[in-house]
Amino acid sequence: MDIDDLKGLLERVASGETSPVNALEQLAADTASAGIVNLGHTRLDIDRRRRRGVSEAIFCQGKTPPQICDIARRLDEQGQNVICTRVTAETARECLGQLPDFSYDPVARLLFKVNEEPNPGQGRIAVVTAGTTDIPVAEEAARCLEIWGDDVDRYYDVGVAGLHRILAVAGDLQRASVVVSIAGMEAALTSVVAGLVSAPVVAVPTSVGYGTHLKGVAALLGMMNSCSGGIGTVNIDNGFGAALLAHMINHVGMRKSIN
């Protein structure tokens, strides 16, 4: 509802043509639909950037390239950062033909475009992995953080099978504002990291491990049952979710209320 529509509604209330109750219902309905762009296949939430601090991401698994390109273009037109997650190399090639100014990271499986000025937040974010096989999930997290403007330090393959590796970088981790700890197997790294640092730890279990690892469930339970405090655990292989939580922690107190 623009200013002319609002003026007309108030005039109808003043003249008695519309009751205050009906006007209130109309305003409530208009507010509920504000910021939603209906693309037919998708209802795009372009107001999320204002509410949450970052724009809506496009989860591409199960979406067709035309659908992905349609959503990405609309976000791009709004001047918002565009992040497409879980993009295969084949899908990326097809989309880049339609979105030539976008970039693709094959390790992180992200198709993206940066449109907004960077805001690094309160400090640096450390992204840590137990093993090399955890790197794809770590890169999804690290690249998202960098797109949003955070300063990121990577510490890969520092798992507890060689405990001296994590101890060697403990001093660096202790200077981070947030630590994202990514591990498979039994996920013991996260408990060690949380015991070494004062910053909040965002834990990401990965689907890396042998049979009783249960495709990440063992790591998930290990992280949720950690005796170290200050850990927030996201879903299995959810690098994007970890990045968003770490980003919001790193910007606590820097965002204005939306009310």
Protein backbone atom coordinates (compact mmCIF):
# COMPACT_ATOMS: atom_id res chain seq x y z
CA MET A 1 0.00 0.00 0.00
CA ASP A 2 1.54 3.32 -1.08
CA ILE A 3 0.82 6.78 0.39
CA ASP A 4 -2.11 7.46 -1.96
CA ASP A 5 -3.76 4.14 -1.10
CA LEU A 6 -3.34 4.86 2.61
CA LYS A 7 -4.76 8.39 2.22
CA GLY A 8 -7.77 6.99 0.35
CA LEU A 9 -8.38 4.38 3.05
CA LEU A 10 -8.28 7.01 5.81
CA GLU A 11 -10.66 9.22 3.85
CA ARG A 12 -13.12 6.33 3.52
CA VAL A 13 -12.93 5.76 7.28
CA ALA A 14 -13.51 9.49 7.92
CA SER A 15 -16.53 9.56 5.62
CA GLY A 16 -18.02 6.45 7.16
CA GLU A 17 -17.72 4.48 3.93
CA THR A 18 -15.35 2.02 5.64
CA SER A 19 -15.43 1.03 9.31
CA PRO A 20 -12.27 1.27 11.43
CA VAL A 21 -12.37 -2.52 11.89
CA ASN A 22 -12.43 -3.15 8.13
CA ALA A 23 -9.63 -0.64 7.60
CA LEU A 24 -7.54 -2.34 10.25
CA GLU A 25 -8.10 -5.74 8.61
CA GLN A 26 -7.05 -4.31 5.24
CA LEU A 27 -3.89 -2.79 6.73
CA ALA A 28 -3.03 -6.07 8.47
CA ALA A 29 -3.46 -8.04 5.24
CA ASP A 30 -1.36 -5.54 3.30
CA THR A 31 1.40 -5.64 5.92
CA ALA A 32 1.45 -9.44 5.89
CA SER A 33 2.02 -9.52 2.13
CA ALA A 34 4.55 -6.68 2.05
CA GLY A 35 7.91 -7.67 0.66
CA ILE A 36 6.63 -10.86 -1.00
CA VAL A 37 7.18 -11.25 -4.74
CA ASN A 38 5.12 -14.10 -6.20
CA LEU A 39 7.05 -15.73 -9.04
CA GLY A 40 4.51 -18.51 -9.46
CA HIS A 41 6.94 -21.26 -8.45
CA THR A 42 8.35 -19.26 -5.51
CA ARG A 43 7.19 -16.58 -3.09
CA LEU A 44 10.35 -14.52 -2.73
CA ASP A 45 10.85 -12.74 0.60
CA ILE A 46 12.67 -9.56 -0.43
CA ASP A 47 12.04 -8.00 3.01
CA ARG A 48 14.22 -10.58 4.76
CA ARG A 49 17.31 -8.39 4.33
CA ARG A 50 15.71 -5.72 6.49
CA ARG A 51 14.39 -8.14 9.12
CA ARG A 52 17.29 -10.55 9.46
CA GLY A 53 20.29 -8.59 8.24
CA VAL A 54 20.93 -10.83 5.21
CA SER A 55 18.86 -11.54 2.13
CA GLU A 56 17.03 -14.78 1.46
CA ALA A 57 19.30 -17.56 0.20
CA ILE A 58 18.29 -19.88 -2.62
CA PHE A 59 18.49 -23.57 -1.69
CA CYS A 60 18.96 -25.06 -5.15
CA GLN A 61 18.74 -28.78 -4.52
CA GLY A 62 15.58 -29.87 -6.34
CA LYS A 63 15.11 -26.57 -8.20
CA THR A 64 15.48 -26.26 -11.96
CA PRO A 65 18.04 -23.88 -13.51
CA PRO A 66 15.25 -21.58 -14.85
CA GLN A 67 13.73 -21.36 -11.37
CA ILE A 68 17.13 -20.59 -9.83
CA CYS A 69 17.87 -17.91 -12.42
CA ASP A 70 14.44 -16.32 -11.97
CA ILE A 71 14.85 -16.03 -8.20
CA ALA A 72 18.47 -14.86 -8.46
CA ARG A 73 17.59 -12.12 -10.94
CA ARG A 74 14.85 -10.75 -8.68
CA LEU A 75 17.20 -10.55 -5.68
CA ASP A 76 19.87 -9.00 -7.88
CA GLU A 77 17.42 -6.37 -9.09
CA GLN A 78 16.82 -5.42 -5.44
CA GLY A 79 20.55 -4.75 -4.99
CA GLN A 80 20.81 -7.55 -2.44
CA ASN A 81 23.55 -10.13 -2.12
CA VAL A 82 22.58 -13.33 -3.91
CA ILE A 83 23.63 -16.72 -2.51
CA CYS A 84 22.54 -19.95 -4.20
CA THR A 85 23.50 -23.04 -2.19
CA ARG A 86 23.90 -26.71 -3.16
CA VAL A 87 24.52 -25.91 -6.82
CA THR A 88 26.03 -28.69 -8.91
CA ALA A 89 28.66 -27.91 -11.53
CA GLU A 90 26.22 -28.80 -14.31
CA THR A 91 23.52 -26.49 -12.95
CA ALA A 92 26.10 -23.74 -12.43
CA ARG A 93 27.19 -23.92 -16.07
CA GLU A 94 23.61 -23.54 -17.26
CA CYS A 95 22.87 -20.69 -14.84
CA LEU A 96 26.06 -18.78 -15.64
CA GLY A 97 24.94 -18.68 -19.26
CA GLN A 98 21.97 -16.63 -18.05
CA LEU A 99 23.77 -14.86 -15.17
CA PRO A 100 27.21 -14.02 -16.58
CA ASP A 101 28.09 -11.55 -13.80
CA PHE A 102 27.65 -14.23 -11.11
CA SER A 103 30.48 -16.39 -9.71
CA TYR A 104 30.62 -20.09 -8.87
CA ASP A 105 32.66 -21.83 -6.18
CA PRO A 106 32.76 -25.57 -6.98
CA VAL A 107 34.10 -26.59 -3.57
CA ALA A 108 31.46 -24.69 -1.61
CA ARG A 109 28.86 -25.41 -4.34
CA LEU A 110 27.78 -21.77 -4.22
CA LEU A 111 26.56 -19.59 -7.08
CA PHE A 112 26.66 -15.99 -5.89
CA LYS A 113 26.90 -12.27 -6.53
CA VAL A 114 27.99 -9.59 -4.06
CA ASN A 115 25.95 -6.37 -4.33
CA GLU A 116 26.20 -4.88 -0.84
CA GLU A 117 28.95 -2.99 0.94
CA PRO A 118 30.88 -5.26 3.34
CA ASN A 119 30.24 -5.01 7.07
CA PRO A 120 32.89 -7.02 8.93
CA GLY A 121 31.14 -6.88 12.28
CA GLN A 122 32.86 -6.92 15.65
CA GLY A 123 35.79 -9.24 14.94
CA ARG A 124 37.17 -12.11 12.92
CA ILE A 125 35.42 -15.45 12.54
CA ALA A 126 37.48 -18.64 12.63
CA VAL A 127 36.33 -21.63 10.57
CA VAL A 128 37.89 -24.88 11.79
CA THR A 129 37.67 -28.42 10.42
CA ALA A 130 38.67 -31.73 11.90
CA GLY A 131 39.69 -33.17 8.54
CA THR A 132 40.24 -32.40 4.87
CA THR A 133 37.00 -34.16 3.92
CA ASP A 134 35.08 -31.56 5.97
CA ILE A 135 36.32 -28.72 3.73
CA PRO A 136 33.31 -28.54 1.35
CA VAL A 137 30.99 -27.82 4.28
CA ALA A 138 33.55 -25.42 5.74
CA GLU A 139 33.85 -23.55 2.47
CA GLU A 140 30.09 -23.17 2.23
CA ALA A 141 30.25 -21.47 5.63
CA ALA A 142 33.39 -19.43 4.97
CA ARG A 143 32.30 -18.17 1.56
CA CYS A 144 28.86 -17.14 2.83
CA LEU A 145 30.51 -15.21 5.65
CA GLU A 146 32.82 -13.45 3.21
CA ILE A 147 29.92 -12.56 0.91
CA TRP A 148 28.20 -10.92 3.89
CA GLY A 149 31.39 -9.00 4.66
CA ASP A 150 32.81 -10.88 7.65
CA ASP A 151 36.56 -11.37 8.03
CA VAL A 152 37.29 -15.10 8.03
CA ASP A 153 40.32 -17.18 9.05
CA ARG A 154 40.48 -20.83 8.00
CA TYR A 155 42.11 -23.61 10.06
CA TYR A 156 41.65 -26.89 8.23
CA ASP A 157 42.60 -30.46 9.20
CA VAL A 158 43.28 -29.81 12.88
CA GLY A 159 41.31 -32.72 14.33
CA VAL A 160 41.97 -34.55 17.59
CA ALA A 161 43.66 -37.55 15.94
CA GLY A 162 46.70 -35.27 16.10
CA LEU A 163 45.86 -33.10 19.10
CA HIS A 164 49.01 -30.99 18.69
CA ARG A 165 47.50 -29.52 15.49
CA ILE A 166 44.62 -27.75 17.23
CA LEU A 167 46.86 -26.74 20.15
CA ALA A 168 49.24 -25.10 17.67
CA VAL A 169 46.53 -22.67 16.54
CA ALA A 170 44.81 -22.23 19.92
CA GLY A 171 46.23 -18.73 20.31
CA ASP A 172 44.74 -17.67 16.99
CA LEU A 173 41.35 -19.16 17.85
CA GLN A 174 41.29 -17.35 21.18
CA ARG A 175 41.34 -14.03 19.31
CA ALA A 176 38.25 -14.88 17.20
CA SER A 177 34.85 -13.35 17.93
CA VAL A 178 33.10 -16.56 16.86
CA VAL A 179 34.44 -20.03 15.99
CA VAL A 180 32.71 -22.34 13.52
CA SER A 181 33.79 -25.91 14.31
CA ILE A 182 33.14 -28.51 11.60
CA ALA A 183 33.72 -32.20 12.20
CA GLY A 184 32.56 -35.67 11.28
CA MET A 185 33.32 -39.05 12.89
CA GLU A 186 32.69 -38.57 16.65
CA ALA A 187 33.07 -34.75 16.41
CA ALA A 188 35.40 -34.53 19.39
CA LEU A 189 37.07 -31.43 17.89
CA THR A 190 34.17 -29.20 18.88
CA SER A 191 34.43 -30.03 22.59
CA VAL A 192 38.16 -29.34 22.49
CA VAL A 193 37.70 -26.03 20.67
CA ALA A 194 34.96 -24.88 23.05
CA GLY A 195 37.21 -25.75 25.97
CA LEU A 196 40.01 -23.57 24.59
CA VAL A 197 38.22 -20.36 23.59
CA SER A 198 36.00 -17.76 25.24
CA ALA A 199 34.00 -16.99 22.08
CA PRO A 200 30.73 -18.70 21.14
CA VAL A 201 31.20 -21.86 19.05
CA VAL A 202 28.91 -22.81 16.19
CA ALA A 203 29.14 -26.56 15.60
CA VAL A 204 28.49 -28.30 12.30
CA PRO A 205 28.36 -32.11 12.18
CA THR A 206 29.28 -33.58 8.81
CA SER A 207 28.26 -36.80 7.10
CA VAL A 208 31.88 -37.98 7.08
CA GLY A 209 32.63 -41.31 8.74
CA TYR A 210 32.23 -45.09 8.70
CA GLY A 211 29.02 -47.09 9.20
CA THR A 212 28.23 -46.43 12.86
CA HIS A 213 28.72 -42.76 12.17
CA LEU A 214 25.18 -43.00 10.73
CA LYS A 215 25.72 -40.33 8.05
CA GLY A 216 26.41 -37.61 10.58
CA VAL A 217 24.01 -38.55 13.36
CA ALA A 218 26.86 -39.70 15.64
CA ALA A 219 28.66 -36.38 15.14
CA LEU A 220 25.42 -34.46 15.72
CA LEU A 221 24.79 -36.27 19.01
CA GLY A 222 28.41 -35.82 20.06
CA MET A 223 28.22 -32.07 19.55
CA MET A 224 24.87 -31.78 21.31
CA ASN A 225 26.17 -33.81 24.26
CA SER A 226 29.41 -31.88 24.63
CA CYS A 227 30.45 -31.13 28.20
CA SER A 228 31.93 -27.82 26.97
CA GLY A 229 29.53 -24.89 27.14
CA GLY A 230 28.70 -22.11 24.73
CA ILE A 231 28.08 -24.34 21.71
CA GLY A 232 25.23 -23.89 19.23
CA THR A 233 24.79 -26.89 16.91
CA VAL A 234 23.21 -26.73 13.46
CA ASN A 235 22.03 -29.53 11.21
CA ILE A 236 24.26 -32.08 9.47
CA ASP A 237 26.37 -30.55 6.65
CA ASN A 238 24.62 -27.18 7.12
CA GLY A 239 27.47 -24.81 6.39
CA PHE A 240 25.07 -22.05 5.38
CA GLY A 241 23.11 -22.27 8.64
CA ALA A 242 26.33 -22.15 10.66
CA ALA A 243 27.52 -19.12 8.72
CA LEU A 244 24.27 -17.24 9.32
CA LEU A 245 24.35 -17.90 13.06
CA ALA A 246 28.03 -16.90 13.29
CA HIS A 247 27.37 -13.75 11.24
CA MET A 248 24.48 -12.70 13.48
CA ILE A 249 26.56 -13.29 16.62
CA ASN A 250 29.37 -11.22 15.10
CA HIS A 251 26.92 -8.36 14.50
CA VAL A 252 25.04 -8.40 17.82
CA GLY A 253 24.41 -4.84 18.94
CA MET A 254 25.21 -3.42 15.49
CA ARG A 255 21.73 -3.78 13.95
CA LYS A 256 18.89 -1.39 14.62
CA SER A 257 15.58 -2.75 15.83
CA ILE A 258 13.01 -3.30 13.07
CA ASN A 259 10.23 -2.11 15.36
